[in-house]
Amino acid sequence: MSLGLFAAGISTFALLYSTQALLPAISGDLGVTPGQASWTVSAATGALALAVLPLSALSERFGRRTLMTVSLGIAAVVALLTPFAPNLGWLIALRAVQGAALAGVPASAMAYLAEEVRAKALVGAIGLFVAGNSIGGMTGRILTGWVAQAWGWRAALAAVGLLTAACVVVFRLLVPPARHFAAQPAGPRALARTIGGHLADPLLRRLYAIGALFMTVFGAVYTVIGYRLVAEPFGLPQGVVGSIFLVYLVGTLSSAAAGRLVGRLGRRGALYLAVGTTTLGLLLSLADSLLAVVLGLVLITAGFFAGHAVASSSVSRTATTGRAQASALYQSAYYLGSSAGGTLGAMAFHTAGWEGTVVLGLVAMVGAAGITLYATRRALAERRALATAR
């Protein structure tokens, strides 16, 4: 189960962000601005954000494993068509279809784990799935960077499509049928009731906002970093820029360690640490030193994946019914944050350079810290009230 979902995580992130490391090459070949090229990423993440809720309803009706298999299969087929896009418009359209297809994986994966894995092991299991996401994001970007340097960005996209097809086979062979799944009504009224119940929960709303804010930073930084590194004073070639994404290995470690962080620091303590780590990385990346930029990316990546793993696992633990919809709402917020971060980050970079992108990230981290601080104060107030009542 773990290896199969790990493969699903690899394919999802490798496909979803397959054009991110290629944006400078796409801009040069198609003659478009960074903001226009960034839509090849934002279209995929935005379509995923819109599709994840309706697909979560289908997972309640037809099963998590079935939906994930179909979603990955369609996404792989579209991936093999994407290299033949004749212009930017077609490329963006195919990427949107790809993102909508991929929505079946986040719509089902966390609910599948919540149903099949013991509660004490849930954070670790979700952390491993998130680690697969980080490996996929890293592998996709490195693979596309070096293939693009040798044969162009279209060949790079074809390589990611072949990688995804292999992951689909591994997923289908390894992930066992669900033992605890029970089909639920998938009608619009039932879906609306479930979604309304989740949105009425203050804790879930805070977790959704935190996920969106962390992903805003991550989307902005990794959409723009390629443009910064190919320009002066760095002037790095495309393959080397793609290799910068090796820092995703740090995300693999920090997401897998999220369970231990929560055990030692508590959920809010782990989120404070994630916010602080990400903020420090943003500030460090301002230096015109390649070593400082890489170290900054390491800290940003570690903080983001830790925060994401804590927030997403907390959603699964908080929701006792309609877990697929609870996770889907989180994924919607998360990927809307990615779309907003990618587009706004590219616009900020075009207007004010890397400093503008960093300011956008810092604003998002102030928001995440404020939400966590509010939750801390509310928890303390409830404890004092309970102590007074006793």
Protein backbone atom coordinates (compact mmCIF):
# COMPACT_ATOMS: atom_id res chain seq x y z
CA MET A 1 0.00 0.00 0.00
CA SER A 2 2.72 2.45 1.00
CA LEU A 3 4.82 1.80 -2.11
CA GLY A 4 1.80 2.02 -4.40
CA LEU A 5 0.66 5.35 -2.97
CA PHE A 6 4.26 6.53 -3.02
CA ALA A 7 4.23 5.85 -6.79
CA ALA A 8 0.94 7.73 -7.10
CA GLY A 9 2.46 10.69 -5.28
CA ILE A 10 5.50 10.65 -7.55
CA SER A 11 3.42 10.66 -10.73
CA THR A 12 1.01 13.33 -9.46
CA PHE A 13 3.66 15.92 -8.62
CA ALA A 14 5.94 15.01 -11.54
CA LEU A 15 3.06 15.69 -13.94
CA LEU A 16 1.44 18.59 -12.13
CA TYR A 17 4.60 20.69 -12.11
CA SER A 18 6.28 19.23 -15.20
CA THR A 19 6.46 22.62 -16.96
CA GLN A 20 7.72 24.57 -13.95
CA ALA A 21 11.44 23.99 -14.51
CA LEU A 22 10.88 24.52 -18.25
CA LEU A 23 9.30 27.96 -18.04
CA PRO A 24 12.38 29.89 -19.26
CA ALA A 25 12.70 27.50 -22.23
CA ILE A 26 8.98 27.75 -23.01
CA SER A 27 9.14 31.55 -22.80
CA GLY A 28 12.08 31.66 -25.19
CA ASP A 29 10.71 29.16 -27.69
CA LEU A 30 7.14 30.47 -27.81
CA GLY A 31 8.03 34.14 -27.29
CA VAL A 32 5.87 34.70 -24.20
CA THR A 33 6.41 36.52 -20.90
CA PRO A 34 7.04 34.75 -17.55
CA GLY A 35 3.49 35.60 -16.49
CA GLN A 36 2.02 34.02 -19.62
CA ALA A 37 4.23 30.93 -19.39
CA SER A 38 3.33 30.50 -15.70
CA TRP A 39 -0.23 29.64 -16.78
CA THR A 40 1.05 26.24 -17.93
CA VAL A 41 1.50 25.53 -14.22
CA SER A 42 -1.43 27.54 -12.85
CA ALA A 43 -3.92 26.00 -15.32
CA ALA A 44 -3.08 22.51 -14.07
CA THR A 45 -3.21 23.36 -10.38
CA GLY A 46 -6.31 25.52 -10.79
CA ALA A 47 -8.19 22.79 -12.68
CA LEU A 48 -7.20 20.31 -9.99
CA ALA A 49 -8.52 22.64 -7.30
CA LEU A 50 -11.89 22.92 -9.09
CA ALA A 51 -12.20 19.20 -9.89
CA VAL A 52 -11.14 17.71 -6.58
CA LEU A 53 -14.50 18.20 -4.81
CA PRO A 54 -16.74 16.58 -7.45
CA LEU A 55 -14.23 13.75 -7.85
CA SER A 56 -14.21 13.22 -4.09
CA ALA A 57 -17.96 12.58 -4.35
CA LEU A 58 -17.30 9.98 -7.03
CA SER A 59 -14.74 8.32 -4.76
CA GLU A 60 -17.46 7.95 -2.12
CA ARG A 61 -19.64 6.20 -4.67
CA PHE A 62 -17.18 4.08 -6.71
CA GLY A 63 -14.25 3.64 -4.33
CA ARG A 64 -10.91 5.35 -3.72
CA ARG A 65 -8.72 2.82 -5.53
CA THR A 66 -10.87 2.77 -8.66
CA LEU A 67 -10.97 6.55 -8.95
CA MET A 68 -7.21 6.92 -8.42
CA THR A 69 -6.50 4.32 -11.12
CA VAL A 70 -8.76 5.99 -13.68
CA SER A 71 -7.43 9.47 -12.84
CA LEU A 72 -3.79 8.47 -13.19
CA GLY A 73 -4.50 6.63 -16.42
CA ILE A 74 -6.20 9.61 -18.08
CA ALA A 75 -3.47 11.97 -16.86
CA ALA A 76 -0.78 9.71 -18.33
CA VAL A 77 -2.50 9.64 -21.74
CA VAL A 78 -2.82 13.44 -21.79
CA ALA A 79 0.83 13.72 -20.76
CA LEU A 80 1.87 11.82 -23.86
CA LEU A 81 -0.16 14.24 -26.02
CA THR A 82 1.14 17.43 -24.38
CA PRO A 83 4.52 17.56 -26.20
CA PHE A 84 2.66 17.96 -29.49
CA ALA A 85 0.84 21.17 -28.43
CA PRO A 86 1.27 23.60 -31.37
CA ASN A 87 1.14 26.82 -29.30
CA LEU A 88 0.79 28.20 -25.79
CA GLY A 89 -3.01 28.13 -25.87
CA TRP A 90 -3.12 24.42 -26.66
CA LEU A 91 -0.42 23.71 -24.08
CA ILE A 92 -2.39 25.51 -21.36
CA ALA A 93 -5.62 23.69 -22.37
CA LEU A 94 -3.98 20.26 -22.22
CA ARG A 95 -2.39 21.12 -18.89
CA ALA A 96 -5.82 22.07 -17.53
CA VAL A 97 -7.26 18.70 -18.61
CA GLN A 98 -4.28 17.00 -17.03
CA GLY A 99 -4.79 18.82 -13.74
CA ALA A 100 -8.51 17.97 -13.66
CA ALA A 101 -7.69 14.29 -14.24
CA LEU A 102 -5.04 14.26 -11.50
CA ALA A 103 -7.60 15.61 -9.01
CA GLY A 104 -8.79 12.06 -8.41
CA VAL A 105 -5.59 11.22 -6.54
CA PRO A 106 -5.70 13.87 -3.77
CA ALA A 107 -9.49 13.49 -3.67
CA SER A 108 -9.09 9.85 -2.67
CA ALA A 109 -5.62 9.13 -1.30
CA MET A 110 -5.89 10.68 2.17
CA ALA A 111 -9.41 9.32 2.70
CA TYR A 112 -8.14 5.87 1.64
CA LEU A 113 -5.33 6.06 4.18
CA ALA A 114 -7.63 7.36 6.93
CA GLU A 115 -9.90 4.35 6.40
CA GLU A 116 -7.24 1.67 6.01
CA VAL A 117 -4.48 2.77 8.43
CA ARG A 118 -4.55 2.78 12.23
CA ALA A 119 -5.00 6.24 13.77
CA LYS A 120 -1.59 6.23 15.46
CA ALA A 121 0.14 5.53 12.15
CA LEU A 122 -1.91 7.96 10.07
CA VAL A 123 0.42 10.97 10.24
CA GLY A 124 3.37 8.81 9.24
CA ALA A 125 1.44 7.20 6.38
CA ILE A 126 0.29 10.54 5.03
CA GLY A 127 3.79 11.87 5.51
CA LEU A 128 5.08 9.07 3.28
CA PHE A 129 2.50 9.92 0.61
CA VAL A 130 3.55 13.58 0.82
CA ALA A 131 7.16 12.39 0.60
CA GLY A 132 6.20 10.71 -2.69
CA ASN A 133 4.90 14.09 -3.82
CA SER A 134 8.24 15.68 -3.04
CA ILE A 135 10.18 12.92 -4.83
CA GLY A 136 7.89 13.33 -7.83
CA GLY A 137 8.30 17.07 -7.86
CA MET A 138 12.06 16.72 -7.66
CA THR A 139 12.34 13.91 -10.22
CA GLY A 140 10.07 15.63 -12.72
CA ARG A 141 11.95 18.90 -12.54
CA ILE A 142 15.43 17.36 -12.72
CA LEU A 143 14.44 15.02 -15.55
CA THR A 144 12.84 17.81 -17.58
CA GLY A 145 15.78 20.15 -16.97
CA TRP A 146 18.43 17.80 -18.36
CA VAL A 147 16.27 16.39 -21.17
CA ALA A 148 15.32 19.92 -22.22
CA GLN A 149 18.97 21.00 -22.30
CA ALA A 150 19.75 18.14 -24.69
CA TRP A 151 16.59 17.80 -26.81
CA GLY A 152 14.22 20.66 -25.90
CA TRP A 153 11.23 21.16 -23.63
CA ARG A 154 8.86 19.03 -25.72
CA ALA A 155 11.07 15.95 -25.32
CA ALA A 156 11.24 16.73 -21.59
CA LEU A 157 7.45 16.62 -21.30
CA ALA A 158 7.40 13.30 -23.18
CA ALA A 159 9.89 11.85 -20.70
CA VAL A 160 7.65 12.80 -17.77
CA GLY A 161 4.71 11.18 -19.54
CA LEU A 162 6.61 7.88 -19.81
CA LEU A 163 7.62 8.09 -16.13
CA THR A 164 3.96 8.58 -15.19
CA ALA A 165 2.84 5.58 -17.25
CA ALA A 166 5.30 3.40 -15.34
CA CYS A 167 4.04 4.75 -11.99
CA VAL A 168 0.44 3.96 -12.96
CA VAL A 169 1.38 0.32 -13.51
CA VAL A 170 3.19 0.14 -10.16
CA PHE A 171 0.25 1.74 -8.36
CA ARG A 172 -2.30 -0.66 -9.82
CA LEU A 173 -0.20 -3.72 -9.02
CA LEU A 174 0.64 -2.78 -5.42
CA VAL A 175 -2.30 -0.93 -3.86
CA PRO A 176 -4.72 -3.48 -2.36
CA PRO A 177 -8.51 -3.21 -2.56
CA ALA A 178 -10.07 -1.29 0.34
CA ARG A 179 -11.21 -3.38 3.31
CA HIS A 180 -13.13 -0.69 5.19
CA PHE A 181 -14.70 1.33 2.39
CA ALA A 182 -18.49 1.64 2.36
CA ALA A 183 -20.16 3.34 -0.59
CA GLN A 184 -21.97 6.57 0.27
CA PRO A 185 -24.54 8.67 -1.62
CA ALA A 186 -22.87 10.88 -4.24
CA GLY A 187 -25.78 13.18 -5.06
CA PRO A 188 -25.45 16.97 -5.03
CA ARG A 189 -27.59 17.38 -1.89
CA ALA A 190 -25.55 14.90 0.11
CA LEU A 191 -22.35 16.54 -1.14
CA ALA A 192 -23.59 20.02 -0.25
CA ARG A 193 -24.55 18.89 3.28
CA THR A 194 -21.16 17.32 3.84
CA ILE A 195 -19.24 20.32 2.51
CA GLY A 196 -21.38 22.72 4.55
CA GLY A 197 -20.65 20.73 7.69
CA HIS A 198 -16.91 20.85 7.08
CA LEU A 199 -16.88 24.57 6.29
CA ALA A 200 -18.82 25.23 9.50
CA ASP A 201 -15.95 23.72 11.52
CA PRO A 202 -13.58 26.55 12.62
CA LEU A 203 -10.61 24.20 12.97
CA LEU A 204 -11.01 22.84 9.45
CA ARG A 205 -11.33 26.37 8.05
CA ARG A 206 -8.07 27.35 9.71
CA LEU A 207 -6.30 24.26 8.39
CA TYR A 208 -7.54 24.98 4.86
CA ALA A 209 -6.26 28.55 5.04
CA ILE A 210 -2.88 27.44 6.37
CA GLY A 211 -2.49 24.91 3.55
CA ALA A 212 -3.33 27.58 0.96
CA LEU A 213 -0.86 30.07 2.42
CA PHE A 214 2.02 27.59 2.57
CA MET A 215 1.34 26.58 -1.02
CA THR A 216 1.21 30.23 -2.13
CA VAL A 217 4.83 30.58 -1.02
CA PHE A 218 5.90 27.32 -2.58
CA GLY A 219 4.13 27.99 -5.89
CA ALA A 220 5.60 31.48 -6.15
CA VAL A 221 9.17 30.48 -5.33
CA TYR A 222 9.42 27.45 -7.59
CA THR A 223 7.63 29.08 -10.52
CA VAL A 224 10.09 31.98 -10.56
CA ILE A 225 13.36 30.48 -9.37
CA GLY A 226 14.27 29.18 -12.85
CA TYR A 227 14.08 32.68 -14.32
CA ARG A 228 16.31 34.02 -11.57
CA LEU A 229 18.96 31.33 -11.93
CA VAL A 230 19.29 31.49 -15.72
CA ALA A 231 19.76 35.28 -15.52
CA GLU A 232 22.77 37.19 -14.18
CA PRO A 233 24.58 37.09 -11.80
CA PHE A 234 24.11 33.29 -11.90
CA GLY A 235 23.65 32.47 -15.62
CA LEU A 236 23.10 28.74 -15.05
CA PRO A 237 22.24 26.36 -17.94
CA GLN A 238 18.82 24.65 -18.03
CA GLY A 239 20.10 21.27 -16.82
CA VAL A 240 21.81 22.76 -13.78
CA VAL A 241 18.70 24.79 -12.96
CA GLY A 242 16.68 21.58 -13.04
CA SER A 243 19.17 19.95 -10.66
CA ILE A 244 18.50 22.68 -8.11
CA PHE A 245 15.30 20.78 -7.38
CA LEU A 246 17.37 18.13 -5.60
CA VAL A 247 16.49 20.19 -2.54
CA TYR A 248 13.13 18.39 -2.70
CA LEU A 249 14.89 15.57 -0.85
CA VAL A 250 14.75 17.84 2.19
CA GLY A 251 10.98 17.99 1.75
CA THR A 252 10.88 14.19 1.68
CA LEU A 253 12.63 14.06 5.04
CA SER A 254 10.65 16.87 6.69
CA SER A 255 7.26 15.52 5.60
CA ALA A 256 8.13 12.01 6.72
CA ALA A 257 9.25 13.46 10.10
CA ALA A 258 6.02 15.43 10.59
CA GLY A 259 4.57 12.79 12.90
CA ARG A 260 7.54 13.03 15.26
CA LEU A 261 7.37 16.84 15.17
CA VAL A 262 3.72 16.80 16.21
CA GLY A 263 4.52 14.29 18.98
CA ARG A 264 7.21 16.57 20.44
CA LEU A 265 5.87 20.06 19.77
CA GLY A 266 2.14 19.56 19.27
CA ARG A 267 0.31 20.52 16.08
CA ARG A 268 0.60 24.28 16.60
CA GLY A 269 4.22 24.05 17.70
CA ALA A 270 5.08 22.14 14.53
CA LEU A 271 3.30 24.78 12.44
CA TYR A 272 5.22 27.60 14.15
CA LEU A 273 8.47 25.80 13.35
CA ALA A 274 7.41 25.32 9.73
CA VAL A 275 6.49 29.02 9.36
CA GLY A 276 9.77 30.14 10.93
CA THR A 277 11.85 27.83 8.74
CA THR A 278 10.10 28.99 5.55
CA THR A 279 10.46 32.65 6.50
CA LEU A 280 14.18 32.29 7.21
CA GLY A 281 14.63 30.60 3.84
CA LEU A 282 12.85 33.44 2.02
CA LEU A 283 15.07 36.05 3.65
CA LEU A 284 18.25 34.08 2.98
CA SER A 285 17.36 33.69 -0.71
CA LEU A 286 17.63 37.46 -1.21
CA ALA A 287 21.44 37.27 -1.26
CA ASP A 288 23.22 37.30 -4.65
CA SER A 289 25.10 34.16 -3.71
CA LEU A 290 24.27 30.77 -5.23
CA LEU A 291 25.10 29.03 -1.96
CA ALA A 292 22.74 31.33 -0.03
CA VAL A 293 19.97 30.85 -2.60
CA VAL A 294 20.29 27.06 -2.47
CA LEU A 295 20.31 27.09 1.35
CA GLY A 296 17.28 29.36 1.27
CA LEU A 297 15.48 26.90 -1.02
CA VAL A 298 16.38 24.07 1.34
CA LEU A 299 14.76 25.89 4.28
CA ILE A 300 11.71 26.95 2.25
CA THR A 301 11.20 23.37 1.06
CA ALA A 302 11.65 21.84 4.53
CA GLY A 303 9.27 24.34 6.11
CA PHE A 304 6.65 23.95 3.40
CA PHE A 305 6.52 20.15 3.40
CA ALA A 306 6.46 19.97 7.20
CA GLY A 307 3.62 22.49 7.38
CA HIS A 308 1.68 20.74 4.62
CA ALA A 309 2.05 17.29 6.21
CA VAL A 310 0.90 18.59 9.63
CA ALA A 311 -2.08 20.52 8.24
CA SER A 312 -3.26 17.78 5.87
CA SER A 313 -3.00 15.00 8.47
CA SER A 314 -4.84 17.21 10.97
CA VAL A 315 -7.71 17.53 8.48
CA SER A 316 -7.97 13.74 8.21
CA ARG A 317 -7.95 13.36 11.98
CA THR A 318 -10.47 16.16 12.60
CA ALA A 319 -13.10 14.96 10.10
CA THR A 320 -14.98 11.91 11.40
CA THR A 321 -17.45 11.75 8.50
CA GLY A 322 -17.10 12.69 4.83
CA ARG A 323 -13.33 12.37 5.01
CA ALA A 324 -12.95 12.45 1.25
CA GLN A 325 -14.75 15.80 1.09
CA ALA A 326 -12.76 17.16 4.05
CA SER A 327 -9.51 16.22 2.31
CA ALA A 328 -10.87 17.52 -1.00
CA LEU A 329 -11.63 20.93 0.50
CA TYR A 330 -8.08 21.04 1.84
CA GLN A 331 -6.71 20.09 -1.57
CA SER A 332 -8.87 22.75 -3.25
CA ALA A 333 -7.50 25.43 -0.95
CA TYR A 334 -3.98 24.03 -1.30
CA TYR A 335 -3.95 24.05 -5.10
CA LEU A 336 -5.76 27.37 -5.38
CA GLY A 337 -2.89 28.66 -3.27
CA SER A 338 -0.48 27.09 -5.74
CA SER A 339 -2.24 28.72 -8.72
CA ALA A 340 -2.35 32.09 -7.00
CA GLY A 341 1.26 31.80 -5.88
CA GLY A 342 2.51 30.83 -9.34
CA THR A 343 0.70 33.63 -11.15
CA LEU A 344 1.21 36.34 -8.52
CA GLY A 345 4.82 35.26 -7.98
CA ALA A 346 5.56 35.59 -11.71
CA MET A 347 3.84 38.98 -11.83
CA ALA A 348 5.78 40.17 -8.78
CA PHE A 349 9.03 38.95 -10.34
CA HIS A 350 8.25 40.71 -13.63
CA THR A 351 7.47 43.94 -11.73
CA ALA A 352 9.96 44.01 -8.86
CA GLY A 353 12.38 41.12 -9.38
CA TRP A 354 13.09 38.36 -6.88
CA GLU A 355 12.51 40.81 -4.01
CA GLY A 356 8.86 41.15 -5.08
CA THR A 357 8.40 37.37 -5.01
CA VAL A 358 9.96 37.19 -1.54
CA VAL A 359 7.64 39.92 -0.24
CA LEU A 360 4.65 37.92 -1.49
CA GLY A 361 5.95 34.85 0.36
CA LEU A 362 6.54 36.78 3.58
CA VAL A 363 3.00 38.15 3.53
CA ALA A 364 1.65 34.61 3.19
CA MET A 365 3.77 33.38 6.12
CA VAL A 366 2.59 36.28 8.31
CA GLY A 367 -0.95 35.13 7.54
CA ALA A 368 -0.18 31.50 8.47
CA ALA A 369 1.52 32.59 11.70
CA GLY A 370 -1.45 34.83 12.57
CA ILE A 371 -3.93 31.98 12.11
CA THR A 372 -1.83 29.65 14.26
CA LEU A 373 -1.44 32.32 16.94
CA TYR A 374 -5.20 32.87 16.99
CA ALA A 375 -5.71 29.12 17.48
CA THR A 376 -3.14 29.10 20.30
CA ARG A 377 -4.82 31.95 22.14
CA ARG A 378 -8.24 30.36 21.71
CA ALA A 379 -6.97 27.05 23.09
CA LEU A 380 -5.44 28.82 26.11
CA ALA A 381 -8.67 30.72 26.72
CA GLU A 382 -10.67 27.48 26.64
CA ARG A 383 -8.27 25.87 29.12
CA ARG A 384 -8.56 28.82 31.50
CA ALA A 385 -12.34 28.72 31.25
CA LEU A 386 -12.36 25.00 31.97
CA ALA A 387 -10.02 25.46 34.95
CA THR A 388 -12.25 28.23 36.35
CA ALA A 389 -15.36 26.05 35.95
CA ARG A 390 -13.70 23.29 37.95
